[in-house]
């Protein structure tokens, strides 16, 4: 394999989706990582903890010696084989550890001993993370943000999907944004979400210019915080507003929260999926019990249960329309109207979903 230089061109790494292998321990990787990155740690969490304790007690030389004794024999051979496999499969890739220090240097030397000269990322994870934090601030300052707003169920996310110069915040967060929006698969870590967002903005501004469309979101998407720098910019951003009839909005909610979410549960849990899906929505409904009031919550809970029973028995989705329509009109719409009043940004356009898509394309 021909020699390539080490790099600290973090912008190019993220713009080109360069493949990377991460030498950090699994706990470090789980806390925060980057897309197009594979965790191939030099040490396990337990091994790293032992080396860290040794370093504090006996110094660097003793810690290095312990590390070599822990990663030896069969363990070393297995890990080296995985690193070699990655390097050969990704000749344009890089390796890194936390700071681009001893772990990266060790793995690179072991690869060289196998005839593979594989470059590392100078500064490692810490420098790349710092770059993305700073780049997010630069990107937000450079972006001309327009929010896609509208009541729950108008299909704002479908507008996002239809546009080229937009970022799907809910997609990055793996959550639909509402009380009922949790997916059966987990959300990313907060750090991963911020990294994904910074990279998405970096790419969009590099290819499509400053106009960026974002779905209007609150402070939280599920358990994830929208970064403050972006949230501050969104508070005063101009808006386009999607308007659809209540029946059309109910159709969208059924597509997203009954049909699509049901498919996801069945894909993960098989025959148990329908039951888990129904229980999940009942749990979500219970979380807004205080705002609904006890009697209304009890009534809608019973309607929801009957709707899922009818769906399981005959495939009929009609029963879902009652509880969905009630929540849209009595819970979500008043909340949206209040939030809209707090907005400082101008309303640039109002129309149906297709009309908003057309306006956005004409004004990109």
Protein backbone atom coordinates (compact mmCIF):
# COMPACT_ATOMS: atom_id res chain seq x y z
CA UNK A 1 0.00 0.00 0.00
CA UNK A 2 1.49 3.34 -1.06
CA UNK A 3 2.27 5.82 1.67
CA UNK A 4 -0.12 8.74 2.25
CA UNK A 5 0.61 11.63 4.61
CA UNK A 6 -1.02 12.14 7.97
CA UNK A 7 -3.69 14.82 7.94
CA UNK A 8 -5.24 17.57 9.98
CA UNK A 9 -7.54 18.72 7.18
CA UNK A 10 -10.70 17.96 9.13
CA UNK A 11 -12.91 19.82 6.68
CA UNK A 12 -11.85 17.55 3.84
CA UNK A 13 -12.33 14.45 6.01
CA UNK A 14 -15.97 15.31 6.68
CA UNK A 15 -16.79 16.69 3.24
CA UNK A 16 -15.53 13.54 1.54
CA UNK A 17 -16.91 11.05 4.08
CA UNK A 18 -13.42 9.65 4.57
CA UNK A 19 -13.54 6.23 6.25
CA UNK A 20 -11.92 6.24 9.67
CA UNK A 21 -11.10 3.65 12.31
CA UNK A 22 -11.25 4.70 15.93
CA UNK A 23 -8.62 3.33 18.33
CA UNK A 24 -10.38 4.62 21.48
CA UNK A 25 -12.01 2.27 23.97
CA UNK A 26 -15.69 1.31 23.40
CA UNK A 27 -16.94 3.57 26.20
CA UNK A 28 -15.25 6.56 24.58
CA UNK A 29 -16.72 5.68 21.19
CA UNK A 30 -20.23 5.26 22.59
CA UNK A 31 -20.09 8.69 24.20
CA UNK A 32 -19.32 10.40 20.91
CA UNK A 33 -18.06 9.49 17.45
CA UNK A 34 -18.36 10.43 13.78
CA UNK A 35 -20.20 8.97 10.79
CA UNK A 36 -18.22 6.67 8.47
CA UNK A 37 -16.20 5.55 11.48
CA UNK A 38 -15.66 2.02 12.76
CA UNK A 39 -14.75 1.30 16.37
CA UNK A 40 -11.63 -0.91 16.34
CA UNK A 41 -10.14 -0.19 19.76
CA UNK A 42 -6.57 -0.91 20.76
CA UNK A 43 -7.79 -1.78 24.26
CA UNK A 44 -11.04 -2.87 25.86
CA UNK A 45 -12.63 -0.67 28.52
CA UNK A 46 -11.22 -2.89 31.26
CA UNK A 47 -7.71 -2.88 29.76
CA UNK A 48 -7.77 0.90 29.35
CA UNK A 49 -8.85 1.36 32.99
CA UNK A 50 -5.97 -0.84 34.18
CA UNK A 51 -3.45 1.09 32.09
CA UNK A 52 -4.85 4.40 33.36
CA UNK A 53 -4.50 3.31 36.97
CA UNK A 54 -0.96 2.13 36.33
CA UNK A 55 -0.08 5.45 34.69
CA UNK A 56 -1.25 7.43 37.71
CA UNK A 57 0.54 5.13 40.14
CA UNK A 58 3.75 4.19 38.35
CA UNK A 59 4.21 6.56 35.40
CA UNK A 60 4.16 6.37 31.61
CA UNK A 61 6.81 3.71 31.03
CA UNK A 62 5.10 1.25 33.36
CA UNK A 63 1.72 1.99 31.77
CA UNK A 64 3.10 1.38 28.27
CA UNK A 65 4.64 -1.89 29.38
CA UNK A 66 1.36 -3.00 30.94
CA UNK A 67 -0.52 -2.07 27.79
CA UNK A 68 1.78 -4.21 25.65
CA UNK A 69 1.39 -7.14 28.03
CA UNK A 70 -2.42 -6.83 28.00
CA UNK A 71 -2.64 -6.52 24.20
CA UNK A 72 -0.51 -9.48 23.27
CA UNK A 73 -0.79 -12.99 21.96
CA UNK A 74 -4.19 -13.98 20.55
CA UNK A 75 -5.82 -10.65 21.50
CA UNK A 76 -3.18 -8.69 19.61
CA UNK A 77 -3.41 -11.00 16.59
CA UNK A 78 -7.21 -10.66 16.38
CA UNK A 79 -7.16 -6.88 16.67
CA UNK A 80 -4.31 -6.55 14.19
CA UNK A 81 -6.20 -8.69 11.70
CA UNK A 82 -9.22 -6.37 12.00
CA UNK A 83 -7.07 -3.26 11.49
CA UNK A 84 -5.40 -4.81 8.44
CA UNK A 85 -8.78 -5.77 7.01
CA UNK A 86 -10.09 -2.22 7.43
CA UNK A 87 -6.96 -0.66 5.93
CA UNK A 88 -7.05 -2.91 2.87
CA UNK A 89 -10.79 -2.39 2.38
CA UNK A 90 -10.45 1.40 2.81
CA UNK A 91 -7.22 2.50 1.14
CA UNK A 92 -8.33 6.15 1.34
CA UNK A 93 -9.05 6.00 5.09
CA UNK A 94 -7.35 7.09 8.31
CA UNK A 95 -6.95 6.00 11.91
CA UNK A 96 -7.17 8.07 15.06
CA UNK A 97 -7.33 7.88 18.85
CA UNK A 98 -8.28 10.55 21.36
CA UNK A 99 -5.43 13.00 20.72
CA UNK A 100 -3.53 11.32 17.90
CA UNK A 101 -0.97 10.10 20.38
CA UNK A 102 0.30 6.80 21.71
CA UNK A 103 -2.61 4.55 20.73
CA UNK A 104 -2.60 5.79 17.12
CA UNK A 105 1.18 5.57 16.91
CA UNK A 106 1.17 2.04 18.29
CA UNK A 107 -1.43 0.75 15.85
CA UNK A 108 0.24 2.48 12.93
CA UNK A 109 3.57 0.86 13.80
CA UNK A 110 2.00 -2.57 14.10
CA UNK A 111 0.38 -2.04 10.69
CA UNK A 112 3.73 -1.01 9.25
CA UNK A 113 5.20 -4.23 10.58
CA UNK A 114 2.58 -5.97 8.41
CA UNK A 115 3.59 -3.94 5.35
CA UNK A 116 0.71 -1.44 5.58
CA UNK A 117 1.59 2.25 5.89
CA UNK A 118 -1.69 3.79 7.07
CA UNK A 119 -1.97 7.50 7.90
CA UNK A 120 -3.38 8.93 11.10
CA UNK A 121 -5.37 12.05 11.89
CA UNK A 122 -3.25 14.51 13.81
CA UNK A 123 -4.97 15.77 16.92
CA UNK A 124 -7.32 12.78 16.91
CA UNK A 125 -10.91 12.78 18.10
CA UNK A 126 -10.45 15.80 20.36
CA UNK A 127 -9.30 18.05 17.51
CA UNK A 128 -12.04 16.85 15.14
CA UNK A 129 -14.71 17.38 17.78
CA UNK A 130 -13.39 20.89 18.45
CA UNK A 131 -13.45 21.59 14.71
CA UNK A 132 -17.10 20.54 14.44
CA UNK A 133 -18.15 22.64 17.45
CA UNK A 134 -16.46 25.71 15.98
CA UNK A 135 -17.70 24.91 12.49
CA UNK A 136 -21.30 24.71 13.69
CA UNK A 137 -21.04 28.31 14.93
CA UNK A 138 -19.50 29.42 11.63
CA UNK A 139 -22.12 27.57 9.60
CA UNK A 140 -25.06 28.98 11.55
CA UNK A 141 -23.62 32.50 11.17
CA UNK A 142 -23.21 31.99 7.41
CA UNK A 143 -26.58 30.30 6.79
CA UNK A 144 -29.72 32.07 5.65
CA UNK A 145 -32.17 29.92 7.62
CA UNK A 146 -35.86 29.63 6.76
CA UNK A 147 -38.12 27.56 9.00
CA UNK A 148 -40.80 25.21 7.70
CA UNK A 149 -43.61 25.64 10.19
CA UNK A 150 -47.18 24.45 10.51
CA UNK A 151 -49.52 22.52 12.74
CA UNK A 152 -48.86 18.92 13.74
CA UNK A 153 -49.75 16.55 10.91
CA UNK A 154 -49.38 19.02 8.04
CA UNK A 155 -46.43 16.99 6.73
CA UNK A 156 -43.61 19.46 7.37
CA UNK A 157 -41.06 16.66 7.31
CA UNK A 158 -42.30 15.68 3.85
CA UNK A 159 -41.47 19.21 2.70
CA UNK A 160 -37.99 18.73 4.15
CA UNK A 161 -37.59 15.45 2.27
CA UNK A 162 -38.65 17.09 -1.00
CA UNK A 163 -36.05 19.88 -0.87
CA UNK A 164 -32.37 19.73 -1.74
CA UNK A 165 -31.07 22.53 0.50
CA UNK A 166 -32.53 21.39 3.79
CA UNK A 167 -31.53 19.41 6.86
CA UNK A 168 -33.81 16.86 8.48
CA UNK A 169 -33.26 17.58 12.18
CA UNK A 170 -35.72 14.88 13.24
CA UNK A 171 -33.99 12.36 10.99
CA UNK A 172 -30.61 13.19 12.54
CA UNK A 173 -32.18 12.88 16.02
CA UNK A 174 -34.11 9.68 15.13
CA UNK A 175 -37.25 11.13 16.67
CA UNK A 176 -40.40 12.72 15.23
CA UNK A 177 -40.27 15.63 17.64
CA UNK A 178 -43.63 15.22 19.37
CA UNK A 179 -44.66 13.53 22.62
CA UNK A 180 -45.45 10.47 20.50
CA UNK A 181 -42.32 10.76 18.37
CA UNK A 182 -39.99 8.21 19.94
CA UNK A 183 -38.82 5.48 17.54
CA UNK A 184 -38.31 1.83 18.50
CA UNK A 185 -34.59 2.25 17.76
CA UNK A 186 -32.58 4.51 20.11
CA UNK A 187 -31.64 8.13 19.54
CA UNK A 188 -27.96 8.96 19.03
CA UNK A 189 -25.95 10.45 21.85
CA UNK A 190 -26.07 14.23 22.23
CA UNK A 191 -22.50 14.50 20.95
CA UNK A 192 -23.25 12.30 17.93
CA UNK A 193 -26.32 14.43 17.13
CA UNK A 194 -24.26 17.62 17.28
CA UNK A 195 -21.55 16.07 15.11
CA UNK A 196 -24.10 14.92 12.51
CA UNK A 197 -25.71 18.34 12.45
CA UNK A 198 -22.43 20.20 12.07
CA UNK A 199 -21.32 17.91 9.23
CA UNK A 200 -24.70 18.23 7.47
CA UNK A 201 -24.52 22.04 7.59
CA UNK A 202 -20.89 22.00 6.49
CA UNK A 203 -21.79 19.90 3.42
CA UNK A 204 -24.90 21.88 2.55
CA UNK A 205 -23.17 25.24 2.68
CA UNK A 206 -20.29 23.85 0.62
CA UNK A 207 -22.55 22.65 -2.20
CA UNK A 208 -25.85 24.56 -2.14
CA UNK A 209 -25.18 28.08 -0.93
CA UNK A 210 -26.40 29.94 2.15
CA UNK A 211 -30.18 29.29 2.02
CA UNK A 212 -31.00 26.47 4.44
CA UNK A 213 -34.49 25.16 5.20
CA UNK A 214 -35.13 23.58 8.61
CA UNK A 215 -38.26 22.19 10.16
CA UNK A 216 -39.43 24.40 13.00
CA UNK A 217 -38.45 22.54 16.18
CA UNK A 218 -38.57 23.22 19.89
CA UNK A 219 -35.66 23.19 22.28
CA UNK A 220 -35.76 19.39 22.47
CA UNK A 221 -36.15 16.66 19.88
CA UNK A 222 -36.91 13.72 22.11
CA UNK A 223 -34.16 13.79 24.73
CA UNK A 224 -31.72 15.69 22.50
CA UNK A 225 -31.11 19.42 22.78
CA UNK A 226 -30.97 21.54 19.64
CA UNK A 227 -27.58 23.29 20.03
CA UNK A 228 -28.00 26.73 21.55
CA UNK A 229 -26.25 28.53 18.69
CA UNK A 230 -28.75 27.10 16.21
CA UNK A 231 -31.70 27.52 18.53
CA UNK A 232 -30.92 31.23 18.96
CA UNK A 233 -30.80 31.67 15.19
CA UNK A 234 -34.09 29.80 14.71
CA UNK A 235 -35.91 32.08 17.18
CA UNK A 236 -35.76 35.01 14.75
CA UNK A 237 -35.69 33.14 11.44
CA UNK A 238 -38.38 33.80 8.81
CA UNK A 239 -40.95 31.07 8.20
CA UNK A 240 -43.01 29.37 5.55
CA UNK A 241 -46.17 27.81 6.94
CA UNK A 242 -47.77 24.59 5.73
CA UNK A 243 -51.55 24.43 5.94
CA UNK A 244 -53.67 21.29 5.43
CA UNK A 245 -57.21 20.35 6.42
CA UNK A 246 -57.82 18.41 9.62
CA UNK A 247 -58.76 15.27 7.65
CA UNK A 248 -55.54 15.50 5.63
CA UNK A 249 -53.54 15.94 8.82
CA UNK A 250 -55.19 12.87 10.37
CA UNK A 251 -54.19 10.92 7.25
CA UNK A 252 -50.55 11.98 7.72
CA UNK A 253 -50.53 11.02 11.40
CA UNK A 254 -52.00 7.60 10.56
CA UNK A 255 -49.31 7.08 7.92
CA UNK A 256 -46.49 8.08 10.29
CA UNK A 257 -47.59 6.92 13.74
CA UNK A 258 -49.80 3.92 12.94
CA UNK A 259 -48.62 2.40 9.65
CA UNK A 260 -44.93 3.34 9.51
CA UNK A 261 -44.30 3.04 13.25
CA UNK A 262 -46.19 -0.26 13.29
CA UNK A 263 -43.97 -1.62 10.51
CA UNK A 264 -40.90 -0.62 12.47
CA UNK A 265 -42.12 -2.43 15.59
CA UNK A 266 -42.97 -5.58 13.64
CA UNK A 267 -39.57 -5.51 11.92
CA UNK A 268 -37.86 -5.45 15.32
CA UNK A 269 -40.22 -7.58 17.41
CA UNK A 270 -42.16 -9.79 15.00
CA UNK A 271 -45.63 -10.85 16.15
CA UNK A 272 -45.14 -8.99 19.44
CA UNK A 273 -44.69 -5.73 17.54
CA UNK A 274 -48.38 -4.77 17.33
CA UNK A 275 -48.82 -5.12 21.08
CA UNK A 276 -45.64 -3.15 21.85
CA UNK A 277 -46.66 -0.45 19.39
CA UNK A 278 -50.06 -0.06 21.07
CA UNK A 279 -48.49 0.00 24.54
CA UNK A 280 -45.98 2.63 23.42
CA UNK A 281 -48.71 5.01 22.23
CA UNK A 282 -50.71 4.45 25.41
CA UNK A 283 -47.62 5.34 27.44
CA UNK A 284 -47.15 8.49 25.36
CA UNK A 285 -50.78 9.44 25.92
CA UNK A 286 -50.33 8.97 29.67
CA UNK A 287 -47.47 11.48 29.65
CA UNK A 288 -49.85 14.28 28.67
CA UNK A 289 -52.62 13.16 31.04
CA UNK A 290 -52.35 16.25 33.24
CA UNK A 291 -52.69 18.60 30.30
CA UNK A 292 -55.63 16.68 28.86
CA UNK A 293 -57.37 16.21 32.18
CA UNK A 294 -58.19 12.86 33.74
CA UNK A 295 -61.59 12.35 32.10
CA UNK A 296 -60.44 13.23 28.58
CA UNK A 297 -57.34 11.10 28.95
CA UNK A 298 -59.40 8.12 30.09
CA UNK A 299 -61.82 8.53 27.20
CA UNK A 300 -59.10 8.83 24.53
CA UNK A 301 -57.19 5.92 26.05
CA UNK A 302 -60.25 3.73 25.63
CA UNK A 303 -60.78 4.94 22.05
CA UNK A 304 -57.13 4.21 21.24
CA UNK A 305 -57.35 0.72 22.73
CA UNK A 306 -60.47 -0.05 20.68
CA UNK A 307 -58.79 1.28 17.54
CA UNK A 308 -55.79 -1.01 17.96
CA UNK A 309 -58.10 -3.96 18.66
CA UNK A 310 -60.06 -3.27 15.46
CA UNK A 311 -56.83 -2.90 13.50
CA UNK A 312 -55.52 -6.24 14.81
CA UNK A 313 -58.78 -8.03 14.05
CA UNK A 314 -59.70 -6.62 10.64
CA UNK A 315 -56.98 -4.21 9.53
CA UNK A 316 -59.46 -1.34 9.80
CA UNK A 317 -57.70 1.94 10.67
CA UNK A 318 -60.85 4.05 10.99
CA UNK A 319 -60.97 3.88 14.77
CA UNK A 320 -57.69 5.77 15.01
CA UNK A 321 -59.20 8.86 13.40
CA UNK A 322 -61.18 9.79 16.51
CA UNK A 323 -58.34 9.93 19.04
CA UNK A 324 -55.90 11.45 16.54
CA UNK A 325 -58.37 14.15 15.49
CA UNK A 326 -59.14 14.94 19.12
CA UNK A 327 -55.47 15.37 20.04
CA UNK A 328 -54.75 17.51 16.99
CA UNK A 329 -57.66 19.88 17.60
CA UNK A 330 -57.69 20.02 21.40
CA UNK A 331 -54.04 19.52 22.37
CA UNK A 332 -51.60 20.24 19.55
CA UNK A 333 -53.35 23.12 17.75
CA UNK A 334 -53.68 25.41 20.79
CA UNK A 335 -50.04 24.73 21.66
CA UNK A 336 -48.95 25.57 18.10
CA UNK A 337 -50.95 28.82 18.05
CA UNK A 338 -49.32 29.91 21.31
CA UNK A 339 -45.83 29.05 20.07
CA UNK A 340 -46.42 30.85 16.77
CA UNK A 341 -47.32 34.02 18.67
CA UNK A 342 -43.91 33.90 20.38
CA UNK A 343 -42.05 33.83 17.08
CA UNK A 344 -40.23 36.97 15.96
CA UNK A 345 -39.55 35.89 12.37
CA UNK A 346 -41.59 37.06 9.38
CA UNK A 347 -44.00 34.73 7.60
CA UNK A 348 -42.75 34.59 4.01
CA UNK A 349 -45.38 32.27 2.55
CA UNK A 350 -48.39 30.20 3.55
CA UNK A 351 -49.87 27.38 1.51
CA UNK A 352 -50.48 23.68 1.09
CA UNK A 353 -47.61 21.24 1.34
CA UNK A 354 -47.12 21.14 -2.45
CA UNK A 355 -47.36 24.92 -2.69
CA UNK A 356 -44.75 25.35 0.05
CA UNK A 357 -42.40 22.93 -1.70
CA UNK A 358 -42.80 24.88 -4.94
CA UNK A 359 -42.21 28.23 -3.16
CA UNK A 360 -39.09 26.91 -1.45
CA UNK A 361 -37.69 25.56 -4.70
CA UNK A 362 -38.32 28.92 -6.41
CA UNK A 363 -36.70 30.82 -3.53
CA UNK A 364 -33.71 28.63 -2.75
